[in-house]
Amino acid sequence: MFHAKSLVTCYAGFTHFFDEVGRKDLFSLRNEIYSYFRGRSNFYRYSNAENG
């Protein structure tokens, strides 16, 4: 009746984050997102769900 307990890892990345953004707004929005994460490398770390 009972299932064995197991660890499940779930995370949400930014795979389709810019899909619905218009082409004319993409450049400014992307720069704002990068400045929020304090650089591109931090953005890509969060989007790939890496630790650090």
C-alpha atoms as a PDB file:
ATOM      1  CA  MET A   1       0.000   0.000   0.000  1.00  0.00           C
ATOM      2  CA  PHE A   2       2.870   2.371   0.595  1.00  0.00           C
ATOM      3  CA  HIS A   3       5.572   3.496  -1.789  1.00  0.00           C
ATOM      4  CA  ALA A   4       9.181   3.629  -0.697  1.00  0.00           C
ATOM      5  CA  LYS A   5      10.503   7.111   0.045  1.00  0.00           C
ATOM      6  CA  SER A   6      12.871   8.482  -2.538  1.00  0.00           C
ATOM      7  CA  LEU A   7      14.537  11.828  -3.048  1.00  0.00           C
ATOM      8  CA  VAL A   8      13.114  13.808  -5.942  1.00  0.00           C
ATOM      9  CA  THR A   9      14.999  16.826  -7.272  1.00  0.00           C
ATOM     10  CA  CYS A  10      12.886  19.453  -8.986  1.00  0.00           C
ATOM     11  CA  TYR A  11      13.987  22.765 -10.383  1.00  0.00           C
ATOM     12  CA  ALA A  12      12.754  25.263 -12.889  1.00  0.00           C
ATOM     13  CA  GLY A  13      15.205  26.826 -15.279  1.00  0.00           C
ATOM     14  CA  PHE A  14      14.879  29.728 -17.675  1.00  0.00           C
ATOM     15  CA  THR A  15      14.644  27.669 -20.837  1.00  0.00           C
ATOM     16  CA  HIS A  16      11.776  29.602 -22.414  1.00  0.00           C
ATOM     17  CA  PHE A  17      12.218  32.831 -20.489  1.00  0.00           C
ATOM     18  CA  PHE A  18      12.476  35.156 -23.516  1.00  0.00           C
ATOM     19  CA  ASP A  19      10.069  33.313 -25.841  1.00  0.00           C
ATOM     20  CA  GLU A  20       7.144  35.730 -25.629  1.00  0.00           C
ATOM     21  CA  VAL A  21       9.214  38.921 -25.739  1.00  0.00           C
ATOM     22  CA  GLY A  22       9.038  41.016 -28.874  1.00  0.00           C
ATOM     23  CA  ARG A  23      12.197  41.492 -30.910  1.00  0.00           C
ATOM     24  CA  LYS A  24      12.384  45.252 -30.310  1.00  0.00           C
ATOM     25  CA  ASP A  25      12.176  44.799 -26.506  1.00  0.00           C
ATOM     26  CA  LEU A  26      14.505  41.821 -26.245  1.00  0.00           C
ATOM     27  CA  PHE A  27      17.781  43.749 -26.045  1.00  0.00           C
ATOM     28  CA  SER A  28      16.723  46.082 -23.210  1.00  0.00           C
ATOM     29  CA  LEU A  29      14.986  43.330 -21.228  1.00  0.00           C
ATOM     30  CA  ARG A  30      17.966  41.026 -21.545  1.00  0.00           C
ATOM     31  CA  ASN A  31      20.298  43.736 -20.248  1.00  0.00           C
ATOM     32  CA  GLU A  32      18.005  44.396 -17.281  1.00  0.00           C
ATOM     33  CA  ILE A  33      17.907  40.692 -16.421  1.00  0.00           C
ATOM     34  CA  TYR A  34      21.696  40.439 -16.637  1.00  0.00           C
ATOM     35  CA  SER A  35      22.103  43.461 -14.365  1.00  0.00           C
ATOM     36  CA  TYR A  36      19.646  41.940 -11.865  1.00  0.00           C
ATOM     37  CA  PHE A  37      21.737  38.765 -11.676  1.00  0.00           C
ATOM     38  CA  ARG A  38      24.942  40.852 -11.647  1.00  0.00           C
ATOM     39  CA  GLY A  39      26.274  39.467 -14.916  1.00  0.00           C
ATOM     40  CA  ARG A  40      25.726  36.873 -17.570  1.00  0.00           C
ATOM     41  CA  SER A  41      27.598  34.123 -15.769  1.00  0.00           C
ATOM     42  CA  ASN A  42      25.280  34.280 -12.754  1.00  0.00           C
ATOM     43  CA  PHE A  43      22.245  34.281 -15.058  1.00  0.00           C
ATOM     44  CA  TYR A  44      23.458  31.138 -16.806  1.00  0.00           C
ATOM     45  CA  ARG A  45      24.267  29.483 -13.479  1.00  0.00           C
ATOM     46  CA  TYR A  46      20.692  30.041 -12.317  1.00  0.00           C
ATOM     47  CA  SER A  47      19.243  29.019 -15.680  1.00  0.00           C
ATOM     48  CA  ASN A  48      21.189  25.749 -15.612  1.00  0.00           C
ATOM     49  CA  ALA A  49      20.356  25.231 -11.914  1.00  0.00           C
ATOM     50  CA  GLU A  50      24.009  25.042 -10.926  1.00  0.00           C
ATOM     51  CA  ASN A  51      25.106  25.619  -7.360  1.00  0.00           C
ATOM     52  CA  GLY A  52      27.260  28.599  -6.556  1.00  0.00           C
END
